[in-house]
Amino acid sequence: MLVLAAVISGCGTGSGRNGQVTGHLLAVGGPAPGRDRSLPGRVVATNAAGQRFTVTVGPAGRYTISLPPGAYTLTGYSPHVRSGHGAMRCTAIHPVTVRASHRALRNVICPIR
């Protein structure tokens, strides 16, 4: 199993009070048959105060990020998915609420046309 190194930026409380969000960074759609595929890159969690927490996503597309309790919007970026001259902004369909010592599942989707 591939172990991913997390790079977390921003201020937070001690890890005993944090919760975790896990999921995959995925390309969804594209030419037939349009299968989902895992992407490397990064996922950024942003809370209402504007604090950003970033985790690096390895080739298997799976990520885990430890976050202080609160509501977050998740955004992903992969060098394998481009829009214009930069990385495409990929998002989780719904925000995620993190609770202390709990784990939440949320995939971040890059829609491919």
Protein backbone atom coordinates (compact mmCIF):
# COMPACT_ATOMS: atom_id res chain seq x y z
CA MET A 1 0.00 0.00 0.00
CA LEU A 2 1.27 3.44 -0.88
CA VAL A 3 1.78 5.77 2.06
CA LEU A 4 1.05 9.38 1.27
CA ALA A 5 2.91 12.22 2.91
CA ALA A 6 0.66 15.03 4.02
CA VAL A 7 1.82 18.59 3.94
CA ILE A 8 -0.50 20.59 6.13
CA SER A 9 -0.37 24.34 6.23
CA GLY A 10 -2.31 26.73 8.38
CA CYS A 11 -3.06 26.87 12.06
CA GLY A 12 -4.84 24.10 13.86
CA THR A 13 -5.47 22.54 17.19
CA GLY A 14 -3.65 19.49 18.50
CA SER A 15 -4.10 16.29 16.54
CA GLY A 16 -6.18 14.76 19.37
CA ARG A 17 -8.96 17.23 18.58
CA ASN A 18 -8.71 16.93 14.81
CA GLY A 19 -10.86 14.83 12.56
CA GLN A 20 -9.88 13.29 9.25
CA VAL A 21 -11.20 13.54 5.73
CA THR A 22 -10.31 10.75 3.31
CA GLY A 23 -11.19 10.23 -0.31
CA HIS A 24 -9.88 10.17 -3.85
CA LEU A 25 -8.96 12.81 -6.40
CA LEU A 26 -10.74 11.52 -9.52
CA ALA A 27 -11.15 12.35 -13.20
CA VAL A 28 -14.76 11.54 -14.10
CA GLY A 29 -16.20 11.37 -17.61
CA GLY A 30 -14.38 11.85 -20.89
CA PRO A 31 -14.59 9.76 -24.04
CA ALA A 32 -16.51 6.48 -23.88
CA PRO A 33 -16.49 4.40 -21.79
CA GLY A 34 -15.85 7.37 -19.45
CA ARG A 35 -14.36 5.44 -16.55
CA ASP A 36 -13.30 7.21 -13.37
CA ARG A 37 -9.54 7.36 -12.93
CA SER A 38 -7.39 8.27 -9.96
CA LEU A 39 -5.22 11.37 -10.22
CA PRO A 40 -2.11 12.57 -8.40
CA GLY A 41 -1.96 16.20 -7.30
CA ARG A 42 -3.11 18.07 -4.23
CA VAL A 43 -6.31 18.69 -2.29
CA VAL A 44 -6.90 21.97 -0.46
CA ALA A 45 -9.42 22.26 2.40
CA THR A 46 -10.62 25.83 3.11
CA ASN A 47 -12.72 26.80 6.12
CA ALA A 48 -15.07 29.79 6.56
CA ALA A 49 -12.24 31.89 8.09
CA GLY A 50 -10.19 31.37 4.91
CA GLN A 51 -7.61 29.04 6.50
CA ARG A 52 -6.21 26.62 3.93
CA PHE A 53 -4.88 23.13 4.61
CA THR A 54 -3.15 21.24 1.80
CA VAL A 55 -2.39 17.55 1.32
CA THR A 56 -0.32 15.98 -1.46
CA VAL A 57 -2.10 13.20 -3.38
CA GLY A 58 0.01 10.34 -4.74
CA PRO A 59 -0.46 8.36 -7.98
CA ALA A 60 -3.19 6.16 -6.46
CA GLY A 61 -5.35 9.28 -6.03
CA ARG A 62 -6.12 8.59 -2.36
CA TYR A 63 -5.72 11.29 0.26
CA THR A 64 -6.17 11.68 4.01
CA ILE A 65 -6.03 15.07 5.69
CA SER A 66 -6.24 15.87 9.40
CA LEU A 67 -8.29 19.00 10.11
CA PRO A 68 -9.57 20.96 13.10
CA PRO A 69 -13.36 20.63 13.59
CA GLY A 70 -15.44 22.82 11.28
CA ALA A 71 -16.92 23.09 7.80
CA TYR A 72 -14.62 22.93 4.76
CA THR A 73 -14.80 23.29 1.00
CA LEU A 74 -12.48 20.88 -0.82
CA THR A 75 -10.68 21.78 -4.03
CA GLY A 76 -8.28 19.58 -5.98
CA TYR A 77 -5.64 20.18 -8.62
CA SER A 78 -3.76 17.66 -10.77
CA PRO A 79 -1.03 18.19 -13.35
CA HIS A 80 -2.83 15.53 -15.45
CA VAL A 81 -5.99 17.64 -15.87
CA ARG A 82 -5.57 21.04 -17.52
CA SER A 83 -7.94 23.87 -18.33
CA GLY A 84 -6.49 26.51 -20.60
CA HIS A 85 -2.92 27.15 -19.48
CA GLY A 86 -3.26 25.95 -15.88
CA ALA A 87 -4.42 23.11 -13.71
CA MET A 88 -8.18 22.53 -13.72
CA ARG A 89 -9.95 23.39 -10.48
CA CYS A 90 -11.69 20.24 -9.24
CA THR A 91 -14.20 20.23 -6.39
CA ALA A 92 -16.04 18.00 -3.95
CA ILE A 93 -19.75 18.02 -4.74
CA HIS A 94 -20.67 18.98 -1.15
CA PRO A 95 -18.77 20.72 1.65
CA VAL A 96 -17.60 18.49 4.48
CA THR A 97 -18.11 19.00 8.21
CA VAL A 98 -15.22 17.71 10.32
CA ARG A 99 -15.87 16.55 13.88
CA ALA A 100 -13.14 15.90 16.46
CA SER A 101 -11.81 12.32 16.36
CA HIS A 102 -14.15 11.34 13.48
CA ARG A 103 -13.47 10.43 9.86
CA ALA A 104 -15.45 11.73 6.88
CA LEU A 105 -15.32 10.49 3.28
CA ARG A 106 -15.36 12.97 0.41
CA ASN A 107 -14.11 12.49 -3.16
CA VAL A 108 -12.86 15.46 -5.16
CA ILE A 109 -14.02 15.31 -8.78
CA CYS A 110 -12.42 16.67 -11.97
CA PRO A 111 -15.17 16.58 -14.63
CA ILE A 112 -13.73 15.60 -18.03
CA ARG A 113 -15.77 16.36 -21.14
